[in-house]
Amino acid sequence: MNIVYTVRADSPEAPELAQLIDLPLGLDIWQVQAEHIVLRAEEEQAARQMGYTTEELVETENHVATFATEAAIAAYHSAETLEHDLRQLVESQPEIAELREIGRSLEDRPIWALRIGERHATEHKLLFMGCHHARECKNRRHNADDSIGVDPNRHYGYMWGTLNINTSSHVPSDPTYVGPRAFSEPETRAVRNLVARELFRGVITYHSFSQLILYPWGYTLRPIPDASDRATMTKLAERMAQLIKGVHGSTYRPQQSSQLYRTAGDTTDWTYGEYAIPSFTIELRPDSLENGGFILPPEQIQPTFEENLPAALEFIDRIL
């Protein structure tokens, strides 16, 4: 039975919470706060034996049933409606919009990139990414142990495979499986080739949840060594958080990615580490499991867009 737990280091004999994250126990880490971790596991026995205080929050199936109702699912786009909307946009604005197929998924589905801007060549390019990975295996690779999926956001070439922990696992059945080798999957190769071809000046990739604005590094607690780059990203993350808060009052916390938890082979470490591109991961609403976790209630879709739009425009203005 899969259950979502809160784990705290309340007892004197319990190690720091960071040590629990770093152990290869196959835990599915959902959220990390200063005083507790929210995780999914078949049982919390390992954490309890190590001296941590555990609290059962909800069975995973009950959580899904509560938030992923038929009405909620109907309020979200399908792949078909997303593609239809993209094509309609291109047809209505052909001077500035173009839809490009940049690759095919493992199941031979098209991977789309929408170019917005003037058609002539320019160095002023930014990349906004979405729908990249989903708890965590959007990839449908059939692994040797009969499990399914490689996590695309642990699969990029920079520092790939250098960690073997809950959040960057070498075990195929784990939700953050890094894959057999970097770029073995067609989905990440499509992004790799797009970035190599276009040489973007900035990258934002949108994920969920926890309301965070993250910047490299993810693979190490050390800050990036270039002081100018570090200042650019930290100041821009802080400014984007201010702009988001000014719309509906939502608090998004800016921080280095590894302050959440360490990951190796993620998108933004690669785009910055390989190409020195200022890169951000924005973890969208909600702020907690109780408010939906990875299943954002549909009535929050529009306000989530509204509060992130000024931050995206500021990102465009600052980087370009």
Protein backbone atom coordinates (compact mmCIF):
# COMPACT_ATOMS: atom_id res chain seq x y z
CA MET A 1 0.00 0.00 0.00
CA ASN A 2 1.45 3.37 -1.04
CA ILE A 3 1.05 6.02 1.64
CA VAL A 4 2.16 9.66 1.82
CA TYR A 5 3.96 10.48 5.06
CA THR A 6 5.35 13.49 6.84
CA VAL A 7 8.78 12.74 8.31
CA ARG A 8 10.36 14.90 11.01
CA ALA A 9 13.62 14.74 12.92
CA ASP A 10 12.04 15.45 16.30
CA SER A 11 13.95 12.94 18.42
CA PRO A 12 17.55 13.64 19.58
CA GLU A 13 18.83 10.39 18.06
CA ALA A 14 17.43 11.10 14.58
CA PRO A 15 19.96 12.20 11.92
CA GLU A 16 19.33 15.39 9.97
CA LEU A 17 16.55 15.13 7.41
CA ALA A 18 19.05 15.62 4.59
CA GLN A 19 20.58 12.24 5.44
CA LEU A 20 17.24 10.52 4.88
CA ILE A 21 16.94 12.11 1.43
CA ASP A 22 20.44 11.01 0.48
CA LEU A 23 20.00 7.34 1.37
CA PRO A 24 19.13 5.01 -1.56
CA LEU A 25 15.90 3.73 0.02
CA GLY A 26 13.63 4.12 -2.98
CA LEU A 27 11.60 6.86 -1.29
CA ASP A 28 9.53 9.16 -3.50
CA ILE A 29 10.26 12.64 -2.15
CA TRP A 30 7.29 14.96 -2.75
CA GLN A 31 8.19 18.08 -0.78
CA VAL A 32 11.04 19.30 1.40
CA GLN A 33 10.57 21.96 4.08
CA ALA A 34 13.01 23.12 6.74
CA GLU A 35 11.28 21.12 9.47
CA HIS A 36 9.80 18.14 7.60
CA ILE A 37 9.75 16.06 4.43
CA VAL A 38 6.67 14.79 2.61
CA LEU A 39 7.30 11.48 0.88
CA ARG A 40 5.51 8.51 -0.62
CA ALA A 41 6.51 5.00 0.37
CA GLU A 42 5.05 1.53 0.80
CA GLU A 43 5.83 1.84 4.47
CA GLU A 44 7.67 4.26 6.70
CA GLN A 45 9.48 1.53 8.66
CA ALA A 46 12.96 2.50 7.46
CA ALA A 47 12.53 6.11 8.49
CA ARG A 48 11.04 5.09 11.85
CA GLN A 49 13.90 2.71 12.61
CA MET A 50 16.39 5.50 11.99
CA GLY A 51 14.76 7.57 14.73
CA TYR A 52 12.58 9.89 12.64
CA THR A 53 9.03 10.78 13.62
CA THR A 54 6.57 9.74 10.92
CA GLU A 55 2.94 10.73 10.42
CA GLU A 56 0.63 9.12 7.90
CA LEU A 57 -1.07 11.80 5.83
CA VAL A 58 -3.10 9.93 3.23
CA GLU A 59 -3.13 6.79 1.13
CA THR A 60 -1.97 7.66 -2.36
CA GLU A 61 -5.12 6.24 -3.95
CA ASN A 62 -7.34 8.32 -1.65
CA HIS A 63 -5.34 11.46 -2.44
CA VAL A 64 -5.75 10.87 -6.17
CA ALA A 65 -9.46 10.14 -5.76
CA THR A 66 -9.94 13.38 -3.82
CA PHE A 67 -8.24 15.70 -6.29
CA ALA A 68 -8.24 13.89 -9.65
CA THR A 69 -12.01 13.80 -10.00
CA GLU A 70 -13.69 13.52 -13.39
CA ALA A 71 -14.58 17.20 -13.25
CA ALA A 72 -10.99 18.15 -12.42
CA ILE A 73 -9.55 16.01 -15.19
CA ALA A 74 -12.00 17.50 -17.69
CA ALA A 75 -10.75 20.99 -16.84
CA TYR A 76 -7.21 20.15 -17.99
CA HIS A 77 -5.92 20.02 -21.54
CA SER A 78 -5.28 16.72 -23.25
CA ALA A 79 -2.32 16.29 -25.60
CA GLU A 80 -4.78 16.55 -28.49
CA THR A 81 -6.35 19.82 -27.34
CA LEU A 82 -2.94 21.32 -26.64
CA GLU A 83 -1.78 20.49 -30.15
CA HIS A 84 -5.03 21.85 -31.59
CA ASP A 85 -4.57 25.14 -29.72
CA LEU A 86 -0.97 25.42 -30.86
CA ARG A 87 -2.00 24.91 -34.48
CA GLN A 88 -4.77 27.49 -34.17
CA LEU A 89 -2.30 30.01 -32.79
CA VAL A 90 0.08 29.42 -35.68
CA GLU A 91 -2.73 29.73 -38.23
CA SER A 92 -3.94 33.00 -36.73
CA GLN A 93 -0.46 34.53 -36.33
CA PRO A 94 1.69 33.09 -39.15
CA GLU A 95 4.01 36.12 -39.23
CA ILE A 96 5.32 35.48 -35.71
CA ALA A 97 4.43 31.88 -34.84
CA GLU A 98 5.67 28.56 -36.15
CA LEU A 99 5.13 25.02 -34.85
CA ARG A 100 8.08 22.68 -35.17
CA GLU A 101 8.34 18.97 -34.47
CA ILE A 102 11.70 18.58 -32.73
CA GLY A 103 11.56 14.84 -32.18
CA ARG A 104 9.43 11.81 -31.39
CA SER A 105 8.78 10.23 -28.04
CA LEU A 106 9.51 6.61 -27.22
CA GLU A 107 5.93 5.80 -28.28
CA ASP A 108 6.38 7.78 -31.51
CA ARG A 109 4.37 10.80 -30.37
CA PRO A 110 5.44 14.21 -31.71
CA ILE A 111 7.41 16.54 -29.44
CA TRP A 112 6.43 20.11 -30.29
CA ALA A 113 8.26 23.40 -30.01
CA LEU A 114 6.44 26.66 -30.66
CA ARG A 115 8.59 29.47 -32.00
CA ILE A 116 7.27 32.96 -31.31
CA GLY A 117 9.01 35.93 -32.85
CA GLU A 118 10.36 37.28 -36.09
CA ARG A 119 11.35 34.72 -38.70
CA HIS A 120 14.79 36.09 -39.50
CA ALA A 121 17.77 34.75 -37.61
CA THR A 122 18.51 36.38 -34.27
CA GLU A 123 20.64 35.70 -31.23
CA HIS A 124 17.87 36.89 -28.94
CA LYS A 125 16.24 33.60 -28.02
CA LEU A 126 14.77 32.20 -24.82
CA LEU A 127 13.41 28.75 -24.02
CA PHE A 128 10.29 28.09 -21.94
CA MET A 129 9.65 24.42 -21.19
CA GLY A 130 6.61 22.59 -19.86
CA CYS A 131 5.17 19.07 -19.69
CA HIS A 132 8.71 17.76 -19.34
CA HIS A 133 8.28 15.09 -16.69
CA ALA A 134 5.44 13.94 -14.50
CA ARG A 135 5.91 12.10 -11.22
CA GLU A 136 8.45 11.50 -12.58
CA CYS A 137 8.42 9.07 -15.49
CA LYS A 138 6.43 10.84 -18.42
CA ASN A 139 8.94 8.54 -20.48
CA ARG A 140 7.52 5.03 -21.21
CA ARG A 141 10.73 3.02 -21.43
CA HIS A 142 10.26 -0.65 -20.52
CA ASN A 143 13.16 -1.38 -18.21
CA ALA A 144 14.91 -4.72 -17.70
CA ASP A 145 13.12 -5.34 -14.38
CA ASP A 146 9.68 -4.86 -16.03
CA SER A 147 9.27 -1.39 -14.52
CA ILE A 148 8.41 1.53 -16.76
CA GLY A 149 10.10 4.86 -17.21
CA VAL A 150 13.25 6.93 -17.18
CA ASP A 151 12.97 10.32 -15.49
CA PRO A 152 13.82 12.93 -18.16
CA ASN A 153 14.80 15.47 -15.52
CA ARG A 154 17.60 13.24 -14.22
CA HIS A 155 18.80 12.32 -17.66
CA TYR A 156 20.86 15.21 -19.04
CA GLY A 157 24.57 14.92 -19.60
CA TYR A 158 26.02 17.37 -17.10
CA MET A 159 27.00 15.44 -13.95
CA TRP A 160 24.68 12.63 -15.01
CA GLY A 161 24.80 9.58 -12.74
CA THR A 162 27.11 11.11 -10.14
CA LEU A 163 24.51 10.65 -7.39
CA ASN A 164 22.70 7.47 -6.34
CA ILE A 165 20.13 8.69 -3.84
CA ASN A 166 16.34 8.84 -3.49
CA THR A 167 16.12 11.88 -5.72
CA SER A 168 18.50 10.59 -8.44
CA SER A 169 18.20 6.82 -8.40
CA HIS A 170 20.00 4.12 -10.37
CA VAL A 171 17.21 1.62 -9.60
CA PRO A 172 14.90 1.29 -12.64
CA SER A 173 11.73 0.88 -10.58
CA ASP A 174 12.31 4.12 -8.65
CA PRO A 175 10.42 7.23 -9.84
CA THR A 176 13.62 9.23 -10.28
CA TYR A 177 15.49 6.59 -12.29
CA VAL A 178 18.35 8.28 -14.15
CA GLY A 179 18.41 5.80 -17.04
CA PRO A 180 21.17 3.54 -18.37
CA ARG A 181 23.20 6.47 -19.72
CA ALA A 182 22.80 10.18 -20.38
CA PHE A 183 20.58 11.03 -23.36
CA SER A 184 19.63 7.42 -24.01
CA GLU A 185 16.00 8.53 -24.38
CA PRO A 186 14.53 10.32 -27.41
CA GLU A 187 12.73 12.95 -25.34
CA THR A 188 15.89 14.39 -23.80
CA ARG A 189 17.79 14.05 -27.06
CA ALA A 190 15.15 16.24 -28.71
CA VAL A 191 15.70 18.97 -26.11
CA ARG A 192 19.49 18.53 -26.30
CA ASN A 193 19.46 19.02 -30.06
CA LEU A 194 17.13 22.03 -29.85
CA VAL A 195 19.35 23.80 -27.30
CA ALA A 196 22.53 22.98 -29.24
CA ARG A 197 20.96 24.36 -32.42
CA GLU A 198 19.35 27.52 -31.04
CA LEU A 199 21.82 28.49 -28.25
CA PHE A 200 19.23 30.19 -26.08
CA ARG A 201 20.18 33.05 -23.79
CA GLY A 202 17.89 31.95 -20.97
CA VAL A 203 15.83 28.96 -19.87
CA ILE A 204 12.77 28.53 -17.64
CA THR A 205 11.28 25.07 -17.12
CA TYR A 206 7.96 24.84 -15.29
CA HIS A 207 7.25 22.02 -12.83
CA SER A 208 5.12 21.42 -9.76
CA PHE A 209 4.72 21.71 -6.83
CA SER A 210 5.87 23.80 -3.80
CA GLN A 211 6.02 27.37 -5.18
CA LEU A 212 9.77 27.71 -5.63
CA ILE A 213 12.14 29.47 -8.05
CA LEU A 214 15.24 27.29 -8.36
CA TYR A 215 18.59 27.92 -10.02
CA PRO A 216 21.80 25.81 -10.35
CA TRP A 217 23.42 23.87 -8.95
CA GLY A 218 21.25 20.88 -8.18
CA TYR A 219 23.97 18.24 -8.00
CA THR A 220 25.98 19.89 -5.22
CA LEU A 221 25.43 22.20 -2.27
CA ARG A 222 28.29 24.36 -3.49
CA PRO A 223 27.20 27.56 -5.26
CA ILE A 224 28.14 28.15 -8.88
CA PRO A 225 31.69 29.55 -8.95
CA ASP A 226 31.12 32.49 -11.32
CA ALA A 227 30.15 35.42 -9.08
CA SER A 228 28.57 37.41 -11.90
CA ASP A 229 26.37 34.52 -13.05
CA ARG A 230 25.45 33.74 -9.47
CA ALA A 231 24.39 37.33 -8.83
CA THR A 232 22.40 37.45 -12.07
CA MET A 233 20.38 34.36 -11.23
CA THR A 234 19.84 35.04 -7.53
CA LYS A 235 18.72 38.62 -8.10
CA LEU A 236 16.45 37.65 -10.97
CA ALA A 237 14.92 34.81 -8.94
CA GLU A 238 14.22 37.25 -6.10
CA ARG A 239 12.68 39.77 -8.49
CA MET A 240 10.46 37.14 -10.14
CA ALA A 241 9.28 36.04 -6.68
CA GLN A 242 8.34 39.65 -5.87
CA LEU A 243 6.38 40.01 -9.09
CA ILE A 244 4.54 36.72 -8.53
CA LYS A 245 3.57 37.76 -5.00
CA GLY A 246 2.25 41.08 -6.28
CA VAL A 247 -0.49 39.43 -8.35
CA HIS A 248 -2.42 37.19 -5.95
CA GLY A 249 -0.20 37.22 -2.87
CA SER A 250 1.35 33.79 -3.48
CA THR A 251 4.81 33.29 -1.99
CA TYR A 252 7.37 31.57 -4.22
CA ARG A 253 10.71 30.97 -2.49
CA PRO A 254 13.90 31.62 -4.51
CA GLN A 255 16.78 29.27 -3.72
CA GLN A 256 19.56 27.14 -5.16
CA SER A 257 18.12 23.83 -6.43
CA SER A 258 20.17 21.66 -4.09
CA GLN A 259 18.73 23.49 -1.08
CA LEU A 260 15.50 21.67 -1.91
CA TYR A 261 17.30 18.37 -2.49
CA ARG A 262 20.24 17.25 -4.62
CA THR A 263 19.67 15.96 -8.15
CA ALA A 264 22.16 14.99 -10.83
CA GLY A 265 21.45 15.30 -14.54
CA ASP A 266 18.61 17.79 -14.36
CA THR A 267 17.77 20.21 -17.16
CA THR A 268 18.99 23.47 -15.67
CA ASP A 269 22.30 22.09 -14.39
CA TRP A 270 22.92 20.93 -17.96
CA THR A 271 21.88 24.15 -19.73
CA TYR A 272 23.99 26.22 -17.35
CA GLY A 273 26.87 23.75 -16.91
CA GLU A 274 27.20 23.01 -20.63
CA TYR A 275 26.28 26.38 -22.16
CA ALA A 276 26.42 28.92 -19.29
CA ILE A 277 22.76 29.80 -19.92
CA PRO A 278 20.98 31.47 -16.97
CA SER A 279 18.46 28.77 -16.11
CA PHE A 280 15.55 28.43 -13.70
CA THR A 281 13.11 25.76 -12.58
CA ILE A 282 9.84 27.25 -11.35
CA GLU A 283 7.83 24.93 -9.12
CA LEU A 284 4.25 26.12 -9.48
CA ARG A 285 1.23 25.94 -7.17
CA PRO A 286 0.09 24.54 -4.84
CA ASP A 287 2.17 25.04 -1.73
CA SER A 288 1.31 21.76 -0.01
CA LEU A 289 -0.06 18.24 -0.34
CA GLU A 290 -3.22 19.31 1.48
CA ASN A 291 -3.94 21.80 -1.30
CA GLY A 292 -3.53 19.21 -4.02
CA GLY A 293 0.16 18.46 -4.27
CA PHE A 294 0.93 17.35 -7.81
CA ILE A 295 -2.78 17.54 -8.69
CA LEU A 296 -3.50 21.26 -8.87
CA PRO A 297 -7.24 21.97 -8.44
CA PRO A 298 -8.53 23.27 -11.79
CA GLU A 299 -9.82 26.54 -10.36
CA GLN A 300 -6.18 27.43 -9.64
CA ILE A 301 -4.96 26.97 -13.22
CA GLN A 302 -5.81 30.50 -14.36
CA PRO A 303 -4.46 32.32 -11.27
CA THR A 304 -1.26 30.27 -11.52
CA PHE A 305 -0.82 31.56 -15.07
CA GLU A 306 -1.72 35.11 -14.06
CA GLU A 307 0.84 35.32 -11.27
CA ASN A 308 3.64 33.79 -13.36
CA LEU A 309 3.13 36.01 -16.41
CA PRO A 310 4.80 39.15 -14.96
CA ALA A 311 7.75 37.04 -13.84
CA ALA A 312 8.13 35.57 -17.32
CA LEU A 313 8.01 39.05 -18.88
CA GLU A 314 10.63 40.27 -16.41
CA PHE A 315 12.81 37.28 -17.31
CA ILE A 316 12.50 38.17 -20.99
CA ASP A 317 13.35 41.82 -20.33
CA ARG A 318 16.32 41.12 -18.06
CA ILE A 319 17.94 38.37 -20.13
CA LEU A 320 17.49 39.98 -23.52
